[in-house]
Amino acid sequence: MCISPFESGRAKTMDFSRRLAAYLSDSSEGKERRSKPRVYDPFPTTVEGVDATGEAFKSQTVLDNFGAGGLYLRLARHVEQGTELDCVIRLSTNPGNQTDGARVVMHGVVLRAESRPDDTYGVAVASLRYHFL
């Protein structure tokens, strides 16, 4: 089987992302490790990526919390540790106005995805880079 240079590069990127996610998510026995504060507002967020079955998706959700190092949200799709996601966060809690508030685009890597009782997944994403729109 011949692998194109693009596929080979993508495999290397996924391997790096998985190793980075494993390193960043090393457990400290449930103790708070964050050195920066978190914001706990339900900001509307659009998430794009590839789920655990290999299917590309775009999903609307809200944040549970976020900080300088990453975010935590719920998805109806299962994603694996190491998966890269793009998130567009609207910094407004006014659900009636879709144009209100600044937007932040964050590219990150999944640290963990936890199955929840409501058939969603709690997903922790470490920020690799971000910028304001």
C-alpha atoms as a PDB file:
ATOM      1  CA  MET A   1       0.000   0.000   0.000  1.00  0.00           C
ATOM      2  CA  CYS A   2       1.367   3.396  -1.002  1.00  0.00           C
ATOM      3  CA  ILE A   3       0.901   6.318   1.376  1.00  0.00           C
ATOM      4  CA  SER A   4       0.909   9.790  -0.125  1.00  0.00           C
ATOM      5  CA  PRO A   5       3.203  12.432   1.434  1.00  0.00           C
ATOM      6  CA  PHE A   6       0.060  14.217   2.670  1.00  0.00           C
ATOM      7  CA  GLU A   7      -1.236  11.131   4.476  1.00  0.00           C
ATOM      8  CA  SER A   8       2.189  10.436   5.955  1.00  0.00           C
ATOM      9  CA  GLY A   9       2.406  14.022   7.249  1.00  0.00           C
ATOM     10  CA  ARG A  10      -1.106  13.817   8.693  1.00  0.00           C
ATOM     11  CA  ALA A  11      -0.223  10.568  10.502  1.00  0.00           C
ATOM     12  CA  LYS A  12       2.865  12.229  11.995  1.00  0.00           C
ATOM     13  CA  THR A  13       0.768  15.220  13.095  1.00  0.00           C
ATOM     14  CA  MET A  14      -1.851  12.941  14.735  1.00  0.00           C
ATOM     15  CA  ASP A  15       0.915  10.983  16.508  1.00  0.00           C
ATOM     16  CA  PHE A  16       2.434  14.220  17.812  1.00  0.00           C
ATOM     17  CA  SER A  17      -1.008  15.495  18.893  1.00  0.00           C
ATOM     18  CA  ARG A  18      -1.742  12.267  20.791  1.00  0.00           C
ATOM     19  CA  ARG A  19       1.627  12.380  22.571  1.00  0.00           C
ATOM     20  CA  LEU A  20       1.101  16.060  23.431  1.00  0.00           C
ATOM     21  CA  ALA A  21      -2.394  15.344  24.778  1.00  0.00           C
ATOM     22  CA  ALA A  22      -1.091  12.449  26.897  1.00  0.00           C
ATOM     23  CA  TYR A  23       1.663  14.666  28.298  1.00  0.00           C
ATOM     24  CA  LEU A  24      -0.689  17.570  29.067  1.00  0.00           C
ATOM     25  CA  SER A  25      -3.328  15.361  30.681  1.00  0.00           C
ATOM     26  CA  ASP A  26      -1.061  13.471  33.083  1.00  0.00           C
ATOM     27  CA  SER A  27      -3.077  13.020  36.258  1.00  0.00           C
ATOM     28  CA  SER A  28      -2.202  14.732  39.509  1.00  0.00           C
ATOM     29  CA  GLU A  29      -4.702  12.675  41.522  1.00  0.00           C
ATOM     30  CA  GLY A  30      -7.619  15.094  41.082  1.00  0.00           C
ATOM     31  CA  LYS A  31      -5.810  18.120  42.515  1.00  0.00           C
ATOM     32  CA  GLU A  32      -6.293  21.502  40.884  1.00  0.00           C
ATOM     33  CA  ARG A  33      -3.258  22.141  38.674  1.00  0.00           C
ATOM     34  CA  ARG A  34      -4.365  25.335  36.962  1.00  0.00           C
ATOM     35  CA  SER A  35      -2.301  28.398  37.684  1.00  0.00           C
ATOM     36  CA  LYS A  36      -4.701  30.717  35.834  1.00  0.00           C
ATOM     37  CA  PRO A  37      -8.371  31.414  36.615  1.00  0.00           C
ATOM     38  CA  ARG A  38     -11.259  29.879  34.644  1.00  0.00           C
ATOM     39  CA  VAL A  39     -14.364  31.604  33.265  1.00  0.00           C
ATOM     40  CA  TYR A  40     -17.599  29.665  33.864  1.00  0.00           C
ATOM     41  CA  ASP A  41     -19.966  31.384  31.417  1.00  0.00           C
ATOM     42  CA  PRO A  42     -21.954  29.383  28.829  1.00  0.00           C
ATOM     43  CA  PHE A  43     -20.494  31.092  25.752  1.00  0.00           C
ATOM     44  CA  PRO A  44     -21.892  29.742  22.452  1.00  0.00           C
ATOM     45  CA  THR A  45     -19.243  27.743  20.604  1.00  0.00           C
ATOM     46  CA  THR A  46     -18.956  26.136  17.177  1.00  0.00           C
ATOM     47  CA  VAL A  47     -16.664  23.101  17.123  1.00  0.00           C
ATOM     48  CA  GLU A  48     -15.206  21.519  13.985  1.00  0.00           C
ATOM     49  CA  GLY A  49     -13.144  18.361  13.785  1.00  0.00           C
ATOM     50  CA  VAL A  50     -13.177  14.646  13.097  1.00  0.00           C
ATOM     51  CA  ASP A  51     -14.978  12.255  15.470  1.00  0.00           C
ATOM     52  CA  ALA A  52     -13.808   8.831  16.672  1.00  0.00           C
ATOM     53  CA  THR A  53     -15.351   7.132  13.615  1.00  0.00           C
ATOM     54  CA  GLY A  54     -13.348   9.360  11.238  1.00  0.00           C
ATOM     55  CA  GLU A  55     -16.340  11.483  10.215  1.00  0.00           C
ATOM     56  CA  ALA A  56     -15.868  15.244   9.903  1.00  0.00           C
ATOM     57  CA  PHE A  57     -18.367  17.286  11.913  1.00  0.00           C
ATOM     58  CA  LYS A  58     -19.392  20.818  12.808  1.00  0.00           C
ATOM     59  CA  SER A  59     -21.351  21.167  16.045  1.00  0.00           C
ATOM     60  CA  GLN A  60     -22.985  23.973  18.031  1.00  0.00           C
ATOM     61  CA  THR A  61     -22.557  23.829  21.822  1.00  0.00           C
ATOM     62  CA  VAL A  62     -21.757  26.045  24.815  1.00  0.00           C
ATOM     63  CA  LEU A  63     -18.673  26.124  26.993  1.00  0.00           C
ATOM     64  CA  ASP A  64     -18.711  24.757  30.519  1.00  0.00           C
ATOM     65  CA  ASN A  65     -15.564  26.775  31.249  1.00  0.00           C
ATOM     66  CA  PHE A  66     -12.393  28.124  29.680  1.00  0.00           C
ATOM     67  CA  GLY A  67      -9.109  29.751  30.579  1.00  0.00           C
ATOM     68  CA  ALA A  68      -5.783  30.738  29.050  1.00  0.00           C
ATOM     69  CA  GLY A  69      -4.699  27.111  28.625  1.00  0.00           C
ATOM     70  CA  GLY A  70      -7.855  25.612  27.135  1.00  0.00           C
ATOM     71  CA  LEU A  71     -11.538  24.873  27.545  1.00  0.00           C
ATOM     72  CA  TYR A  72     -14.085  22.277  28.589  1.00  0.00           C
ATOM     73  CA  LEU A  73     -17.329  21.687  26.711  1.00  0.00           C
ATOM     74  CA  ARG A  74     -19.896  19.001  25.914  1.00  0.00           C
ATOM     75  CA  LEU A  75     -20.238  17.373  22.523  1.00  0.00           C
ATOM     76  CA  ALA A  76     -22.770  14.926  21.153  1.00  0.00           C
ATOM     77  CA  ARG A  77     -19.894  13.344  19.189  1.00  0.00           C
ATOM     78  CA  HIS A  78     -17.198  11.117  20.624  1.00  0.00           C
ATOM     79  CA  VAL A  79     -13.686  12.404  19.921  1.00  0.00           C
ATOM     80  CA  GLU A  80     -10.449  10.701  20.893  1.00  0.00           C
ATOM     81  CA  GLN A  81      -7.554  12.033  22.929  1.00  0.00           C
ATOM     82  CA  GLY A  82      -5.112  13.754  20.584  1.00  0.00           C
ATOM     83  CA  THR A  83      -7.763  14.853  18.090  1.00  0.00           C
ATOM     84  CA  GLU A  84      -7.323  18.414  16.908  1.00  0.00           C
ATOM     85  CA  LEU A  85     -10.402  20.659  17.063  1.00  0.00           C
ATOM     86  CA  ASP A  86     -11.173  24.175  15.876  1.00  0.00           C
ATOM     87  CA  CYS A  87     -13.480  26.157  18.156  1.00  0.00           C
ATOM     88  CA  VAL A  88     -15.108  29.527  17.466  1.00  0.00           C
ATOM     89  CA  ILE A  89     -16.221  31.034  20.772  1.00  0.00           C
ATOM     90  CA  ARG A  90     -18.680  33.956  20.827  1.00  0.00           C
ATOM     91  CA  LEU A  91     -17.964  36.003  23.948  1.00  0.00           C
ATOM     92  CA  SER A  92     -21.589  36.817  24.688  1.00  0.00           C
ATOM     93  CA  THR A  93     -24.242  35.032  26.713  1.00  0.00           C
ATOM     94  CA  ASN A  94     -27.127  36.725  24.873  1.00  0.00           C
ATOM     95  CA  PRO A  95     -28.666  33.787  22.963  1.00  0.00           C
ATOM     96  CA  GLY A  96     -31.027  36.005  20.947  1.00  0.00           C
ATOM     97  CA  ASN A  97     -28.308  38.028  19.242  1.00  0.00           C
ATOM     98  CA  GLN A  98     -26.019  35.938  17.017  1.00  0.00           C
ATOM     99  CA  THR A  99     -23.826  38.932  16.102  1.00  0.00           C
ATOM    100  CA  ASP A 100     -23.262  40.305  19.617  1.00  0.00           C
ATOM    101  CA  GLY A 101     -19.846  39.840  21.202  1.00  0.00           C
ATOM    102  CA  ALA A 102     -16.270  39.345  20.121  1.00  0.00           C
ATOM    103  CA  ARG A 103     -15.245  35.978  18.707  1.00  0.00           C
ATOM    104  CA  VAL A 104     -12.176  33.911  19.486  1.00  0.00           C
ATOM    105  CA  VAL A 105     -10.925  31.158  17.200  1.00  0.00           C
ATOM    106  CA  MET A 106      -9.022  28.486  19.111  1.00  0.00           C
ATOM    107  CA  HIS A 107      -7.145  25.563  17.600  1.00  0.00           C
ATOM    108  CA  GLY A 108      -6.575  22.877  20.213  1.00  0.00           C
ATOM    109  CA  VAL A 109      -5.970  19.236  21.003  1.00  0.00           C
ATOM    110  CA  VAL A 110      -8.303  16.961  22.992  1.00  0.00           C
ATOM    111  CA  LEU A 111      -6.837  16.025  26.372  1.00  0.00           C
ATOM    112  CA  ARG A 112      -9.737  13.799  27.395  1.00  0.00           C
ATOM    113  CA  ALA A 113     -13.304  12.947  26.429  1.00  0.00           C
ATOM    114  CA  GLU A 114     -15.527  11.594  29.196  1.00  0.00           C
ATOM    115  CA  SER A 115     -18.826   9.839  28.559  1.00  0.00           C
ATOM    116  CA  ARG A 116     -21.674  11.568  30.430  1.00  0.00           C
ATOM    117  CA  PRO A 117     -25.060  10.181  31.553  1.00  0.00           C
ATOM    118  CA  ASP A 118     -26.945  12.463  29.120  1.00  0.00           C
ATOM    119  CA  ASP A 119     -25.377  10.769  26.048  1.00  0.00           C
ATOM    120  CA  THR A 120     -22.877  13.577  25.516  1.00  0.00           C
ATOM    121  CA  TYR A 121     -19.131  13.709  26.072  1.00  0.00           C
ATOM    122  CA  GLY A 122     -17.316  16.144  28.329  1.00  0.00           C
ATOM    123  CA  VAL A 123     -14.308  17.244  26.301  1.00  0.00           C
ATOM    124  CA  ALA A 124     -11.207  18.993  27.666  1.00  0.00           C
ATOM    125  CA  VAL A 125      -9.250  20.803  24.957  1.00  0.00           C
ATOM    126  CA  ALA A 126      -5.766  22.308  25.402  1.00  0.00           C
ATOM    127  CA  SER A 127      -5.186  25.489  23.429  1.00  0.00           C
ATOM    128  CA  LEU A 128      -2.435  25.265  20.814  1.00  0.00           C
ATOM    129  CA  ARG A 129      -3.119  28.714  19.369  1.00  0.00           C
ATOM    130  CA  TYR A 130      -5.902  31.299  19.235  1.00  0.00           C
ATOM    131  CA  HIS A 131      -6.773  34.689  17.824  1.00  0.00           C
ATOM    132  CA  PHE A 132      -9.617  37.203  18.000  1.00  0.00           C
ATOM    133  CA  LEU A 133     -11.868  37.859  15.006  1.00  0.00           C
END
